[in-house]
Protein backbone atom coordinates (compact mmCIF):
# COMPACT_ATOMS: atom_id res chain seq x y z
CA UNK A 1 0.00 0.00 0.00
CA UNK A 2 1.08 3.50 -0.73
CA UNK A 3 -1.18 5.73 1.33
CA UNK A 4 -1.01 9.48 0.91
CA UNK A 5 -1.92 11.73 3.80
CA UNK A 6 -3.75 15.01 3.97
CA UNK A 7 -2.63 17.27 6.79
CA UNK A 8 -4.23 20.22 8.51
CA UNK A 9 -2.64 23.63 9.08
CA UNK A 10 -0.72 22.27 12.10
CA UNK A 11 0.73 19.43 10.05
CA UNK A 12 -1.40 16.77 11.75
CA UNK A 13 -2.50 13.92 9.47
CA UNK A 14 -6.28 14.10 9.15
CA UNK A 15 -7.15 11.96 6.12
CA UNK A 16 -5.74 9.15 4.00
CA UNK A 17 -5.93 8.84 0.24
CA UNK A 18 -5.84 5.33 -1.25
CA UNK A 19 -6.27 4.04 -4.76
CA UNK A 20 -9.54 2.23 -5.43
CA UNK A 21 -7.58 -1.02 -5.70
CA UNK A 22 -6.04 -0.49 -2.25
CA UNK A 23 -9.41 0.51 -0.80
CA UNK A 24 -11.12 -2.58 -2.25
CA UNK A 25 -8.33 -4.81 -0.89
CA UNK A 26 -8.85 -3.33 2.58
CA UNK A 27 -12.61 -3.83 2.38
CA UNK A 28 -12.14 -7.44 1.27
CA UNK A 29 -9.66 -8.11 4.09
CA UNK A 30 -12.08 -6.56 6.60
CA UNK A 31 -14.94 -8.71 5.32
CA UNK A 32 -12.75 -11.81 5.58
CA UNK A 33 -11.94 -10.93 9.20
CA UNK A 34 -15.64 -10.43 9.95
CA UNK A 35 -16.36 -13.90 8.51
CA UNK A 36 -13.63 -15.44 10.68
CA UNK A 37 -15.00 -13.63 13.72
CA UNK A 38 -18.51 -14.94 13.00
CA UNK A 39 -17.25 -18.51 12.62
CA UNK A 40 -15.31 -18.32 15.87
CA UNK A 41 -18.36 -16.94 17.67
CA UNK A 42 -20.54 -19.73 16.25
CA UNK A 43 -18.02 -22.36 17.37
CA UNK A 44 -17.98 -20.81 20.86
CA UNK A 45 -21.79 -20.87 21.07
CA UNK A 46 -21.92 -24.49 19.90
CA UNK A 47 -19.23 -25.53 22.41
CA UNK A 48 -21.24 -23.88 25.22
CA UNK A 49 -24.43 -25.60 24.07
CA UNK A 50 -26.08 -22.30 23.15
CA UNK A 51 -26.53 -23.32 19.49
CA UNK A 52 -26.80 -26.57 17.65
CA UNK A 53 -25.36 -27.89 14.43
CA UNK A 54 -27.89 -28.61 11.71
CA UNK A 55 -27.44 -30.28 8.34
CA UNK A 56 -27.19 -28.40 5.10
CA UNK A 57 -30.47 -29.97 3.97
CA UNK A 58 -32.22 -28.80 7.15
CA UNK A 59 -30.86 -25.28 6.65
CA UNK A 60 -32.12 -25.25 3.05
CA UNK A 61 -35.56 -26.40 4.20
CA UNK A 62 -35.71 -23.69 6.87
CA UNK A 63 -34.64 -20.98 4.41
CA UNK A 64 -37.26 -22.17 1.91
CA UNK A 65 -39.93 -22.08 4.63
CA UNK A 66 -38.95 -18.49 5.39
CA UNK A 67 -39.17 -17.60 1.69
CA UNK A 68 -35.48 -16.72 1.53
CA UNK A 69 -34.55 -19.50 -0.87
CA UNK A 70 -36.26 -20.81 -4.00
C-alpha atoms as a PDB file:
ATOM      1  CA  UNK A   1       0.000   0.000   0.000  1.00  0.00           C
ATOM      2  CA  UNK A   2       1.080   3.497  -0.735  1.00  0.00           C
ATOM      3  CA  UNK A   3      -1.178   5.735   1.327  1.00  0.00           C
ATOM      4  CA  UNK A   4      -1.009   9.483   0.914  1.00  0.00           C
ATOM      5  CA  UNK A   5      -1.917  11.726   3.796  1.00  0.00           C
ATOM      6  CA  UNK A   6      -3.749  15.008   3.975  1.00  0.00           C
ATOM      7  CA  UNK A   7      -2.631  17.266   6.786  1.00  0.00           C
ATOM      8  CA  UNK A   8      -4.232  20.217   8.505  1.00  0.00           C
ATOM      9  CA  UNK A   9      -2.637  23.630   9.078  1.00  0.00           C
ATOM     10  CA  UNK A  10      -0.720  22.273  12.095  1.00  0.00           C
ATOM     11  CA  UNK A  11       0.728  19.427  10.051  1.00  0.00           C
ATOM     12  CA  UNK A  12      -1.404  16.769  11.745  1.00  0.00           C
ATOM     13  CA  UNK A  13      -2.505  13.923   9.466  1.00  0.00           C
ATOM     14  CA  UNK A  14      -6.282  14.103   9.145  1.00  0.00           C
ATOM     15  CA  UNK A  15      -7.148  11.960   6.123  1.00  0.00           C
ATOM     16  CA  UNK A  16      -5.742   9.148   4.005  1.00  0.00           C
ATOM     17  CA  UNK A  17      -5.932   8.835   0.238  1.00  0.00           C
ATOM     18  CA  UNK A  18      -5.842   5.331  -1.250  1.00  0.00           C
ATOM     19  CA  UNK A  19      -6.270   4.045  -4.755  1.00  0.00           C
ATOM     20  CA  UNK A  20      -9.544   2.234  -5.429  1.00  0.00           C
ATOM     21  CA  UNK A  21      -7.581  -1.021  -5.704  1.00  0.00           C
ATOM     22  CA  UNK A  22      -6.044  -0.490  -2.253  1.00  0.00           C
ATOM     23  CA  UNK A  23      -9.408   0.508  -0.802  1.00  0.00           C
ATOM     24  CA  UNK A  24     -11.120  -2.582  -2.254  1.00  0.00           C
ATOM     25  CA  UNK A  25      -8.325  -4.809  -0.891  1.00  0.00           C
ATOM     26  CA  UNK A  26      -8.845  -3.328   2.584  1.00  0.00           C
ATOM     27  CA  UNK A  27     -12.611  -3.830   2.383  1.00  0.00           C
ATOM     28  CA  UNK A  28     -12.141  -7.444   1.272  1.00  0.00           C
ATOM     29  CA  UNK A  29      -9.664  -8.108   4.091  1.00  0.00           C
ATOM     30  CA  UNK A  30     -12.080  -6.560   6.605  1.00  0.00           C
ATOM     31  CA  UNK A  31     -14.940  -8.712   5.316  1.00  0.00           C
ATOM     32  CA  UNK A  32     -12.747 -11.813   5.584  1.00  0.00           C
ATOM     33  CA  UNK A  33     -11.939 -10.931   9.203  1.00  0.00           C
ATOM     34  CA  UNK A  34     -15.637 -10.431   9.953  1.00  0.00           C
ATOM     35  CA  UNK A  35     -16.362 -13.897   8.513  1.00  0.00           C
ATOM     36  CA  UNK A  36     -13.629 -15.438  10.677  1.00  0.00           C
ATOM     37  CA  UNK A  37     -14.999 -13.631  13.725  1.00  0.00           C
ATOM     38  CA  UNK A  38     -18.512 -14.938  12.998  1.00  0.00           C
ATOM     39  CA  UNK A  39     -17.246 -18.506  12.615  1.00  0.00           C
ATOM     40  CA  UNK A  40     -15.313 -18.317  15.873  1.00  0.00           C
ATOM     41  CA  UNK A  41     -18.362 -16.937  17.673  1.00  0.00           C
ATOM     42  CA  UNK A  42     -20.540 -19.728  16.253  1.00  0.00           C
ATOM     43  CA  UNK A  43     -18.020 -22.360  17.367  1.00  0.00           C
ATOM     44  CA  UNK A  44     -17.982 -20.809  20.856  1.00  0.00           C
ATOM     45  CA  UNK A  45     -21.794 -20.871  21.066  1.00  0.00           C
ATOM     46  CA  UNK A  46     -21.921 -24.495  19.902  1.00  0.00           C
ATOM     47  CA  UNK A  47     -19.234 -25.527  22.412  1.00  0.00           C
ATOM     48  CA  UNK A  48     -21.240 -23.881  25.219  1.00  0.00           C
ATOM     49  CA  UNK A  49     -24.428 -25.596  24.071  1.00  0.00           C
ATOM     50  CA  UNK A  50     -26.082 -22.299  23.145  1.00  0.00           C
ATOM     51  CA  UNK A  51     -26.532 -23.315  19.488  1.00  0.00           C
ATOM     52  CA  UNK A  52     -26.801 -26.575  17.653  1.00  0.00           C
ATOM     53  CA  UNK A  53     -25.358 -27.889  14.428  1.00  0.00           C
ATOM     54  CA  UNK A  54     -27.892 -28.614  11.705  1.00  0.00           C
ATOM     55  CA  UNK A  55     -27.442 -30.283   8.337  1.00  0.00           C
ATOM     56  CA  UNK A  56     -27.189 -28.395   5.095  1.00  0.00           C
ATOM     57  CA  UNK A  57     -30.475 -29.973   3.973  1.00  0.00           C
ATOM     58  CA  UNK A  58     -32.219 -28.802   7.146  1.00  0.00           C
ATOM     59  CA  UNK A  59     -30.865 -25.277   6.646  1.00  0.00           C
ATOM     60  CA  UNK A  60     -32.122 -25.248   3.046  1.00  0.00           C
ATOM     61  CA  UNK A  61     -35.562 -26.399   4.202  1.00  0.00           C
ATOM     62  CA  UNK A  62     -35.706 -23.686   6.868  1.00  0.00           C
ATOM     63  CA  UNK A  63     -34.642 -20.981   4.410  1.00  0.00           C
ATOM     64  CA  UNK A  64     -37.259 -22.167   1.911  1.00  0.00           C
ATOM     65  CA  UNK A  65     -39.927 -22.083   4.628  1.00  0.00           C
ATOM     66  CA  UNK A  66     -38.946 -18.491   5.394  1.00  0.00           C
ATOM     67  CA  UNK A  67     -39.170 -17.596   1.689  1.00  0.00           C
ATOM     68  CA  UNK A  68     -35.477 -16.724   1.533  1.00  0.00           C
ATOM     69  CA  UNK A  69     -34.551 -19.505  -0.872  1.00  0.00           C
ATOM     70  CA  UNK A  70     -36.259 -20.810  -4.000  1.00  0.00           C
END
